[in-house]
């Protein structure tokens, strides 16, 4: 039985604080906060969980998980610096309109639930995402960092509690 962390990037491993400071869109891939990746590494170490990317950033990888863009390469390097790796990605249920408007939250919960359906061996899981995910079956497993701050030590404690609990799907 394995444990899973469904990881979003924007608002989790970076924040609007960085966005304001650098005057760039946080999803441009240049702003991964190493302090946030260290917090994520603490969660992985405590829970022995695998990371499944469910961020819009997953479109910057090929079907085998290899980076297609410099932003994705930087993410992989930043995670590796903290001793982390991406073990997989959620399936893509987006439409062209969702991708164009970046309204990924419309389908993220369904993508997570589909991934879980395809991986019955999962024992515990948590979702790290700053967006509302609109489905109670997912939101009760969600830790929602403040997008202005990103991931915090308090979020990690909450995520550990969720992933260790046996909450029904």
N, C-alpha and C. Protein backbone atom coordinates (compact mmCIF):
# COMPACT_ATOMS: atom_id res chain seq x y z
N UNK A 1 0.83 -1.19 0.00
CA UNK A 1 0.00 0.00 0.00
C UNK A 1 0.88 1.25 0.00
N UNK A 2 0.56 2.21 -0.84
CA UNK A 2 1.37 3.42 -0.92
C UNK A 2 0.56 4.65 -0.49
N UNK A 3 1.30 5.70 -0.23
CA UNK A 3 0.71 6.99 0.13
C UNK A 3 1.09 7.98 -0.95
N UNK A 4 0.17 8.90 -1.21
CA UNK A 4 0.32 9.82 -2.34
C UNK A 4 0.11 11.26 -1.90
N UNK A 5 0.94 12.14 -2.46
CA UNK A 5 0.76 13.58 -2.35
C UNK A 5 0.45 14.08 -3.76
N UNK A 6 -0.77 14.58 -3.95
CA UNK A 6 -1.12 15.22 -5.22
C UNK A 6 -0.67 16.67 -5.11
N UNK A 7 0.30 17.03 -5.94
CA UNK A 7 0.98 18.32 -5.80
C UNK A 7 0.61 19.30 -6.90
N UNK A 8 0.11 20.45 -6.48
CA UNK A 8 -0.02 21.62 -7.34
C UNK A 8 1.26 22.43 -7.13
N UNK A 9 1.59 23.31 -8.05
CA UNK A 9 2.81 24.10 -7.92
C UNK A 9 2.50 25.55 -7.55
N UNK A 10 1.77 26.25 -8.41
CA UNK A 10 1.53 27.67 -8.19
C UNK A 10 0.65 27.88 -6.96
N UNK A 11 1.15 28.71 -6.04
CA UNK A 11 0.45 28.95 -4.79
C UNK A 11 0.82 27.95 -3.71
N UNK A 12 1.63 26.95 -4.06
CA UNK A 12 2.08 25.93 -3.11
C UNK A 12 3.61 26.01 -2.98
N UNK A 13 4.33 25.76 -4.07
CA UNK A 13 5.79 25.86 -4.06
C UNK A 13 6.29 27.24 -4.48
N UNK A 14 5.37 28.11 -4.81
CA UNK A 14 5.67 29.52 -5.01
C UNK A 14 4.45 30.27 -4.50
N UNK A 15 4.47 31.57 -4.55
CA UNK A 15 3.36 32.32 -3.97
C UNK A 15 3.20 33.66 -4.65
N UNK A 16 2.08 34.29 -4.39
CA UNK A 16 1.83 35.62 -4.93
C UNK A 16 2.84 36.63 -4.39
N UNK A 17 3.38 36.35 -3.20
CA UNK A 17 4.44 37.22 -2.66
C UNK A 17 5.59 37.31 -3.65
N UNK A 18 6.02 36.16 -4.15
CA UNK A 18 7.10 36.15 -5.14
C UNK A 18 6.65 36.84 -6.41
N UNK A 19 5.41 36.61 -6.78
CA UNK A 19 4.87 37.24 -7.97
C UNK A 19 4.98 38.76 -7.86
N UNK A 20 4.55 39.33 -6.74
CA UNK A 20 4.60 40.78 -6.56
C UNK A 20 6.04 41.29 -6.54
N UNK A 21 6.90 40.56 -5.86
CA UNK A 21 8.29 40.98 -5.74
C UNK A 21 8.98 41.02 -7.10
N UNK A 22 8.70 40.05 -7.92
CA UNK A 22 9.41 39.91 -9.20
C UNK A 22 8.62 40.42 -10.39
N UNK A 23 7.37 40.79 -10.16
CA UNK A 23 6.51 41.30 -11.23
C UNK A 23 6.43 40.36 -12.42
N UNK A 24 6.30 39.09 -12.12
CA UNK A 24 6.14 38.08 -13.16
C UNK A 24 4.96 37.20 -12.79
N UNK A 25 4.40 36.54 -13.77
CA UNK A 25 3.36 35.57 -13.47
C UNK A 25 4.02 34.38 -12.79
N UNK A 26 3.44 33.91 -11.67
CA UNK A 26 4.10 32.84 -10.93
C UNK A 26 4.17 31.55 -11.73
N UNK A 27 3.29 31.36 -12.69
CA UNK A 27 3.32 30.12 -13.45
C UNK A 27 4.31 30.16 -14.61
N UNK A 28 5.18 31.18 -14.65
CA UNK A 28 6.16 31.21 -15.73
C UNK A 28 7.32 30.25 -15.49
N UNK A 29 7.34 29.60 -14.34
CA UNK A 29 8.32 28.55 -14.10
C UNK A 29 9.62 29.00 -13.49
N UNK A 30 9.80 30.28 -13.28
CA UNK A 30 11.08 30.73 -12.76
C UNK A 30 11.09 30.86 -11.25
N UNK A 31 9.94 30.70 -10.62
CA UNK A 31 9.85 31.01 -9.21
C UNK A 31 9.45 29.81 -8.36
N UNK A 32 10.38 28.91 -8.14
CA UNK A 32 10.16 27.81 -7.21
C UNK A 32 10.91 28.17 -5.95
N UNK A 33 10.21 28.21 -4.82
CA UNK A 33 10.78 28.61 -3.55
C UNK A 33 11.41 27.39 -2.88
N UNK A 34 12.73 27.40 -2.74
CA UNK A 34 13.44 26.26 -2.16
C UNK A 34 13.00 25.97 -0.73
N UNK A 35 12.58 26.98 0.01
CA UNK A 35 12.08 26.74 1.37
C UNK A 35 10.80 25.91 1.33
N UNK A 36 9.97 26.13 0.31
CA UNK A 36 8.74 25.35 0.17
C UNK A 36 9.05 23.92 -0.23
N UNK A 37 10.05 23.72 -1.09
CA UNK A 37 10.41 22.34 -1.46
C UNK A 37 11.00 21.60 -0.27
N UNK A 38 11.70 22.30 0.61
CA UNK A 38 12.23 21.66 1.83
C UNK A 38 11.08 21.23 2.74
N UNK A 39 10.03 22.04 2.84
CA UNK A 39 8.86 21.66 3.63
C UNK A 39 8.20 20.42 3.03
N UNK A 40 8.07 20.41 1.70
CA UNK A 40 7.49 19.25 1.03
C UNK A 40 8.33 18.01 1.30
N UNK A 41 9.65 18.17 1.28
CA UNK A 41 10.55 17.04 1.56
C UNK A 41 10.32 16.49 2.97
N UNK A 42 10.03 17.36 3.93
CA UNK A 42 9.73 16.90 5.29
C UNK A 42 8.49 16.01 5.29
N UNK A 43 7.47 16.42 4.54
CA UNK A 43 6.24 15.63 4.46
C UNK A 43 6.51 14.26 3.82
N UNK A 44 7.26 14.26 2.74
CA UNK A 44 7.58 13.00 2.07
C UNK A 44 8.36 12.09 3.01
N UNK A 45 9.32 12.66 3.73
CA UNK A 45 10.12 11.85 4.64
C UNK A 45 9.27 11.28 5.77
N UNK A 46 8.38 12.07 6.33
CA UNK A 46 7.54 11.61 7.45
C UNK A 46 6.51 10.57 7.03
N UNK A 47 6.04 10.65 5.80
CA UNK A 47 4.95 9.77 5.37
C UNK A 47 5.36 8.70 4.37
N UNK A 48 6.56 8.82 3.82
CA UNK A 48 7.04 7.91 2.78
C UNK A 48 6.09 7.91 1.57
N UNK A 49 5.58 9.09 1.25
CA UNK A 49 4.63 9.24 0.15
C UNK A 49 5.34 9.52 -1.17
N UNK A 50 4.63 9.22 -2.24
CA UNK A 50 5.09 9.54 -3.59
C UNK A 50 4.38 10.81 -4.06
N UNK A 51 5.03 11.55 -4.93
CA UNK A 51 4.47 12.80 -5.46
C UNK A 51 3.86 12.55 -6.82
N UNK A 52 2.59 12.92 -6.94
CA UNK A 52 1.89 12.88 -8.22
C UNK A 52 1.56 14.33 -8.59
N UNK A 53 2.05 14.77 -9.71
CA UNK A 53 1.84 16.15 -10.15
C UNK A 53 0.43 16.29 -10.71
N UNK A 54 -0.33 17.23 -10.16
CA UNK A 54 -1.67 17.48 -10.69
C UNK A 54 -1.85 18.95 -11.03
N UNK A 55 -0.75 19.59 -11.27
CA UNK A 55 -0.70 21.00 -11.62
C UNK A 55 -0.76 21.17 -13.14
N UNK A 56 -1.14 22.35 -13.57
CA UNK A 56 -1.06 22.68 -14.99
C UNK A 56 0.37 22.56 -15.52
N UNK A 57 1.33 22.56 -14.61
CA UNK A 57 2.73 22.39 -15.01
C UNK A 57 2.97 21.02 -15.65
N UNK A 58 2.07 20.06 -15.42
CA UNK A 58 2.29 18.72 -15.99
C UNK A 58 2.26 18.74 -17.51
N UNK A 59 1.70 19.78 -18.09
CA UNK A 59 1.69 19.89 -19.56
C UNK A 59 3.06 20.25 -20.10
N UNK A 60 3.99 20.56 -19.22
CA UNK A 60 5.36 20.87 -19.61
C UNK A 60 6.26 19.64 -19.58
N UNK A 61 5.63 18.45 -19.45
CA UNK A 61 6.35 17.17 -19.43
C UNK A 61 5.79 16.28 -20.54
N UNK A 62 6.62 15.36 -21.04
CA UNK A 62 6.10 14.40 -22.01
C UNK A 62 5.40 13.26 -21.28
N UNK A 63 4.88 12.30 -22.02
CA UNK A 63 4.10 11.22 -21.41
C UNK A 63 4.95 10.31 -20.52
N UNK A 64 6.26 10.38 -20.65
CA UNK A 64 7.16 9.59 -19.80
C UNK A 64 7.71 10.40 -18.62
N UNK A 65 7.20 11.63 -18.45
CA UNK A 65 7.62 12.46 -17.33
C UNK A 65 8.90 13.24 -17.56
N UNK A 66 9.37 13.29 -18.80
CA UNK A 66 10.58 14.06 -19.10
C UNK A 66 10.20 15.51 -19.39
N UNK A 67 10.96 16.47 -18.85
CA UNK A 67 10.66 17.88 -19.07
C UNK A 67 10.73 18.26 -20.55
N UNK A 68 9.76 19.06 -20.97
CA UNK A 68 9.73 19.57 -22.34
C UNK A 68 10.13 21.03 -22.42
N UNK A 69 10.13 21.70 -21.28
CA UNK A 69 10.42 23.13 -21.24
C UNK A 69 11.42 23.42 -20.13
N UNK A 70 12.14 24.52 -20.25
CA UNK A 70 13.11 24.88 -19.19
C UNK A 70 12.46 25.01 -17.81
N UNK A 71 11.21 25.47 -17.77
CA UNK A 71 10.52 25.61 -16.49
C UNK A 71 10.37 24.25 -15.81
N UNK A 72 10.02 23.24 -16.59
CA UNK A 72 9.86 21.89 -16.05
C UNK A 72 11.21 21.33 -15.60
N UNK A 73 12.25 21.62 -16.35
CA UNK A 73 13.60 21.19 -15.95
C UNK A 73 13.99 21.82 -14.63
N UNK A 74 13.67 23.10 -14.46
CA UNK A 74 13.99 23.78 -13.21
C UNK A 74 13.19 23.16 -12.06
N UNK A 75 11.93 22.84 -12.27
CA UNK A 75 11.13 22.20 -11.24
C UNK A 75 11.76 20.88 -10.82
N UNK A 76 12.12 20.06 -11.79
CA UNK A 76 12.73 18.75 -11.50
C UNK A 76 14.03 18.94 -10.72
N UNK A 77 14.85 19.90 -11.12
CA UNK A 77 16.11 20.16 -10.40
C UNK A 77 15.84 20.65 -8.97
N UNK A 78 14.87 21.54 -8.82
CA UNK A 78 14.53 22.07 -7.49
C UNK A 78 14.05 20.96 -6.57
N UNK A 79 13.21 20.09 -7.10
CA UNK A 79 12.74 18.96 -6.30
C UNK A 79 13.90 18.03 -5.97
N UNK A 80 14.74 17.74 -6.97
CA UNK A 80 15.88 16.84 -6.75
C UNK A 80 16.83 17.40 -5.69
N UNK A 81 17.02 18.72 -5.67
CA UNK A 81 17.87 19.35 -4.66
C UNK A 81 17.36 19.08 -3.25
N UNK A 82 16.05 18.86 -3.13
CA UNK A 82 15.45 18.54 -1.83
C UNK A 82 15.28 17.04 -1.65
N UNK A 83 15.82 16.24 -2.58
CA UNK A 83 15.73 14.79 -2.48
C UNK A 83 14.39 14.24 -2.94
N UNK A 84 13.69 14.98 -3.79
CA UNK A 84 12.34 14.60 -4.23
C UNK A 84 12.31 14.31 -5.72
N UNK A 85 11.30 13.54 -6.11
CA UNK A 85 11.06 13.31 -7.53
C UNK A 85 9.56 13.16 -7.77
N UNK A 86 9.16 13.42 -8.98
CA UNK A 86 7.77 13.25 -9.39
C UNK A 86 7.60 11.80 -9.83
N UNK A 87 6.64 11.12 -9.22
CA UNK A 87 6.41 9.70 -9.53
C UNK A 87 5.38 9.49 -10.63
N UNK A 88 4.61 10.51 -10.94
CA UNK A 88 3.59 10.38 -11.96
C UNK A 88 2.76 11.65 -12.05
N UNK A 89 1.75 11.60 -12.90
CA UNK A 89 0.89 12.76 -13.13
C UNK A 89 -0.55 12.30 -13.25
N UNK A 90 -1.45 13.18 -12.86
CA UNK A 90 -2.86 12.87 -13.03
C UNK A 90 -3.22 12.92 -14.51
N UNK A 91 -4.27 12.20 -14.90
CA UNK A 91 -4.70 12.24 -16.30
C UNK A 91 -5.24 13.61 -16.65
N UNK A 92 -5.27 13.89 -17.92
CA UNK A 92 -5.71 15.19 -18.43
C UNK A 92 -7.17 15.12 -18.86
N UNK A 93 -8.04 15.80 -18.12
CA UNK A 93 -9.45 15.90 -18.48
C UNK A 93 -9.81 17.32 -18.93
N UNK A 94 -8.79 18.12 -19.19
CA UNK A 94 -9.06 19.51 -19.58
C UNK A 94 -9.57 19.61 -21.01
N UNK A 95 -10.19 20.72 -21.27
CA UNK A 95 -10.61 21.07 -22.62
C UNK A 95 -9.72 22.21 -23.10
N UNK A 96 -9.82 22.53 -24.36
CA UNK A 96 -9.05 23.65 -24.90
C UNK A 96 -9.40 24.95 -24.17
N UNK A 97 -10.67 25.14 -23.86
CA UNK A 97 -11.08 26.36 -23.15
C UNK A 97 -10.47 26.42 -21.75
N UNK A 98 -10.45 25.31 -21.04
CA UNK A 98 -9.86 25.27 -19.70
C UNK A 98 -8.37 25.60 -19.77
N UNK A 99 -7.67 25.04 -20.74
CA UNK A 99 -6.23 25.34 -20.89
C UNK A 99 -6.00 26.80 -21.26
N UNK A 100 -6.82 27.31 -22.15
CA UNK A 100 -6.67 28.70 -22.59
C UNK A 100 -6.92 29.68 -21.45
N UNK A 101 -7.95 29.41 -20.65
CA UNK A 101 -8.32 30.32 -19.56
C UNK A 101 -7.65 29.98 -18.23
N UNK A 102 -6.90 28.86 -18.20
CA UNK A 102 -6.21 28.39 -17.00
C UNK A 102 -7.19 28.15 -15.85
N UNK A 103 -8.36 27.62 -16.16
CA UNK A 103 -9.38 27.29 -15.15
C UNK A 103 -9.30 25.80 -14.81
N UNK A 104 -8.10 25.36 -14.45
CA UNK A 104 -7.84 23.95 -14.18
C UNK A 104 -8.67 23.42 -13.02
N UNK A 105 -9.06 24.30 -12.10
CA UNK A 105 -9.80 23.83 -10.92
C UNK A 105 -11.13 23.17 -11.30
N UNK A 106 -11.62 23.44 -12.50
CA UNK A 106 -12.88 22.83 -12.94
C UNK A 106 -12.80 21.31 -13.05
N UNK A 107 -11.61 20.78 -13.33
CA UNK A 107 -11.48 19.34 -13.55
C UNK A 107 -10.46 18.65 -12.64
N UNK A 108 -9.75 19.41 -11.82
CA UNK A 108 -8.70 18.80 -11.00
C UNK A 108 -9.23 17.69 -10.11
N UNK A 109 -10.36 17.90 -9.45
CA UNK A 109 -10.91 16.87 -8.56
C UNK A 109 -11.21 15.59 -9.34
N UNK A 110 -11.83 15.73 -10.52
CA UNK A 110 -12.13 14.55 -11.33
C UNK A 110 -10.86 13.84 -11.78
N UNK A 111 -9.81 14.60 -12.10
CA UNK A 111 -8.54 13.99 -12.50
C UNK A 111 -7.93 13.20 -11.34
N UNK A 112 -8.00 13.75 -10.14
CA UNK A 112 -7.48 13.04 -8.96
C UNK A 112 -8.28 11.77 -8.71
N UNK A 113 -9.60 11.87 -8.75
CA UNK A 113 -10.44 10.70 -8.50
C UNK A 113 -10.23 9.62 -9.55
N UNK A 114 -10.03 10.02 -10.81
CA UNK A 114 -9.74 9.04 -11.86
C UNK A 114 -8.39 8.36 -11.60
N UNK A 115 -7.38 9.15 -11.23
CA UNK A 115 -6.07 8.57 -10.94
C UNK A 115 -6.19 7.55 -9.81
N UNK A 116 -6.93 7.92 -8.75
CA UNK A 116 -7.11 7.00 -7.63
C UNK A 116 -7.85 5.72 -8.04
N UNK A 117 -8.82 5.86 -8.93
CA UNK A 117 -9.56 4.69 -9.42
C UNK A 117 -8.62 3.74 -10.16
N UNK A 118 -7.64 4.31 -10.85
CA UNK A 118 -6.68 3.49 -11.59
C UNK A 118 -5.57 2.93 -10.70
N UNK A 119 -5.49 3.38 -9.45
CA UNK A 119 -4.44 2.97 -8.51
C UNK A 119 -5.07 2.59 -7.17
N UNK A 120 -5.72 1.46 -7.15
CA UNK A 120 -6.44 0.99 -5.97
C UNK A 120 -5.53 0.69 -4.78
N UNK A 121 -4.23 0.58 -5.02
CA UNK A 121 -3.29 0.24 -3.96
C UNK A 121 -3.02 1.40 -3.00
N UNK A 122 -3.52 2.58 -3.30
CA UNK A 122 -3.27 3.76 -2.46
C UNK A 122 -3.98 3.60 -1.12
N UNK A 123 -3.21 3.81 -0.06
CA UNK A 123 -3.72 3.66 1.31
C UNK A 123 -4.09 5.02 1.91
N UNK A 124 -3.29 6.03 1.66
CA UNK A 124 -3.53 7.37 2.19
C UNK A 124 -3.11 8.40 1.16
N UNK A 125 -3.81 9.53 1.15
CA UNK A 125 -3.46 10.55 0.16
C UNK A 125 -3.88 11.92 0.66
N UNK A 126 -3.18 12.90 0.12
CA UNK A 126 -3.47 14.30 0.44
C UNK A 126 -3.27 15.11 -0.83
N UNK A 127 -4.01 16.21 -0.93
CA UNK A 127 -3.91 17.12 -2.06
C UNK A 127 -3.37 18.45 -1.54
N UNK A 128 -2.28 18.91 -2.11
CA UNK A 128 -1.74 20.24 -1.78
C UNK A 128 -2.08 21.15 -2.95
N UNK A 129 -3.06 22.02 -2.76
CA UNK A 129 -3.53 22.90 -3.83
C UNK A 129 -4.19 24.13 -3.22
N UNK A 130 -3.86 25.30 -3.74
CA UNK A 130 -4.43 26.54 -3.23
C UNK A 130 -5.80 26.85 -3.83
N UNK A 131 -6.24 26.09 -4.81
CA UNK A 131 -7.52 26.34 -5.47
C UNK A 131 -8.64 25.52 -4.85
N UNK A 132 -9.85 26.03 -4.95
CA UNK A 132 -11.03 25.26 -4.54
C UNK A 132 -11.23 24.14 -5.55
N UNK A 133 -11.43 22.92 -5.07
CA UNK A 133 -11.51 21.77 -5.97
C UNK A 133 -12.93 21.22 -6.15
N UNK A 134 -13.90 21.76 -5.48
CA UNK A 134 -15.33 21.58 -5.79
C UNK A 134 -15.93 20.20 -5.58
N UNK A 135 -15.21 19.25 -5.04
CA UNK A 135 -15.79 17.92 -4.78
C UNK A 135 -15.40 17.49 -3.37
N UNK A 136 -16.40 17.22 -2.56
CA UNK A 136 -16.17 16.90 -1.16
C UNK A 136 -15.28 15.66 -0.99
N UNK A 137 -15.38 14.70 -1.89
CA UNK A 137 -14.54 13.50 -1.82
C UNK A 137 -13.06 13.85 -1.91
N UNK A 138 -12.74 14.97 -2.54
CA UNK A 138 -11.35 15.42 -2.65
C UNK A 138 -11.04 16.48 -1.60
N UNK A 139 -11.95 17.43 -1.38
CA UNK A 139 -11.64 18.54 -0.47
C UNK A 139 -11.40 18.08 0.96
N UNK A 140 -11.97 16.96 1.37
CA UNK A 140 -11.69 16.49 2.74
C UNK A 140 -10.27 15.93 2.86
N UNK A 141 -9.60 15.73 1.73
CA UNK A 141 -8.19 15.31 1.71
C UNK A 141 -7.26 16.47 1.36
N UNK A 142 -7.82 17.66 1.21
CA UNK A 142 -7.05 18.80 0.70
C UNK A 142 -6.49 19.68 1.82
N UNK A 143 -5.24 20.09 1.61
CA UNK A 143 -4.63 21.16 2.37
C UNK A 143 -4.51 22.32 1.39
N UNK A 144 -5.06 23.45 1.77
CA UNK A 144 -5.18 24.59 0.86
C UNK A 144 -4.30 25.75 1.35
N UNK A 145 -3.03 25.78 0.91
CA UNK A 145 -2.16 26.89 1.30
C UNK A 145 -2.72 28.23 0.81
N UNK A 146 -2.40 29.27 1.54
CA UNK A 146 -2.73 30.63 1.11
C UNK A 146 -1.83 30.96 -0.07
N UNK A 147 -2.41 31.29 -1.22
CA UNK A 147 -1.60 31.55 -2.43
C UNK A 147 -0.67 32.75 -2.26
N UNK A 148 -0.95 33.59 -1.28
CA UNK A 148 -0.07 34.74 -1.02
C UNK A 148 1.21 34.31 -0.30
N UNK A 149 1.16 33.14 0.35
CA UNK A 149 2.28 32.68 1.18
C UNK A 149 2.90 31.41 0.62
N UNK A 150 2.08 30.50 0.12
CA UNK A 150 2.56 29.19 -0.30
C UNK A 150 2.59 28.23 0.88
N UNK A 151 3.21 27.10 0.70
CA UNK A 151 3.26 26.03 1.68
C UNK A 151 3.92 26.49 2.98
N UNK A 152 3.32 26.10 4.12
CA UNK A 152 3.86 26.46 5.44
C UNK A 152 4.05 25.20 6.29
N UNK A 153 4.75 25.36 7.39
CA UNK A 153 4.94 24.25 8.32
C UNK A 153 3.60 23.77 8.87
N UNK A 154 2.67 24.68 9.10
CA UNK A 154 1.34 24.30 9.56
C UNK A 154 0.62 23.45 8.51
N UNK A 155 0.75 23.83 7.23
CA UNK A 155 0.17 23.03 6.15
C UNK A 155 0.74 21.62 6.14
N UNK A 156 2.03 21.51 6.39
CA UNK A 156 2.69 20.19 6.39
C UNK A 156 2.14 19.33 7.52
N UNK A 157 1.95 19.92 8.71
CA UNK A 157 1.38 19.15 9.84
C UNK A 157 -0.03 18.67 9.50
N UNK A 158 -0.82 19.55 8.88
CA UNK A 158 -2.18 19.16 8.49
C UNK A 158 -2.14 18.06 7.43
N UNK A 159 -1.25 18.19 6.46
CA UNK A 159 -1.13 17.19 5.40
C UNK A 159 -0.71 15.84 5.97
N UNK A 160 0.20 15.85 6.92
CA UNK A 160 0.63 14.60 7.53
C UNK A 160 -0.54 13.92 8.25
N UNK A 161 -1.34 14.70 8.96
CA UNK A 161 -2.50 14.15 9.66
C UNK A 161 -3.47 13.52 8.65
N UNK A 162 -3.73 14.21 7.54
CA UNK A 162 -4.67 13.71 6.53
C UNK A 162 -4.15 12.44 5.88
N UNK A 163 -2.90 12.45 5.48
CA UNK A 163 -2.36 11.30 4.73
C UNK A 163 -2.23 10.06 5.62
N UNK A 164 -2.04 10.26 6.92
CA UNK A 164 -1.92 9.13 7.85
C UNK A 164 -3.29 8.59 8.26
N UNK A 165 -4.34 9.42 8.15
CA UNK A 165 -5.69 8.98 8.53
C UNK A 165 -6.28 8.11 7.43
N UNK A 166 -7.19 7.26 7.79
CA UNK A 166 -7.87 6.44 6.81
C UNK A 166 -9.22 7.06 6.51
N UNK A 167 -9.21 8.08 5.66
CA UNK A 167 -10.44 8.76 5.25
C UNK A 167 -10.97 8.04 4.04
N UNK A 168 -12.25 7.64 4.05
CA UNK A 168 -12.80 6.93 2.88
C UNK A 168 -12.76 7.81 1.62
N UNK A 169 -12.65 7.17 0.48
CA UNK A 169 -12.66 7.90 -0.81
C UNK A 169 -14.04 8.39 -1.12
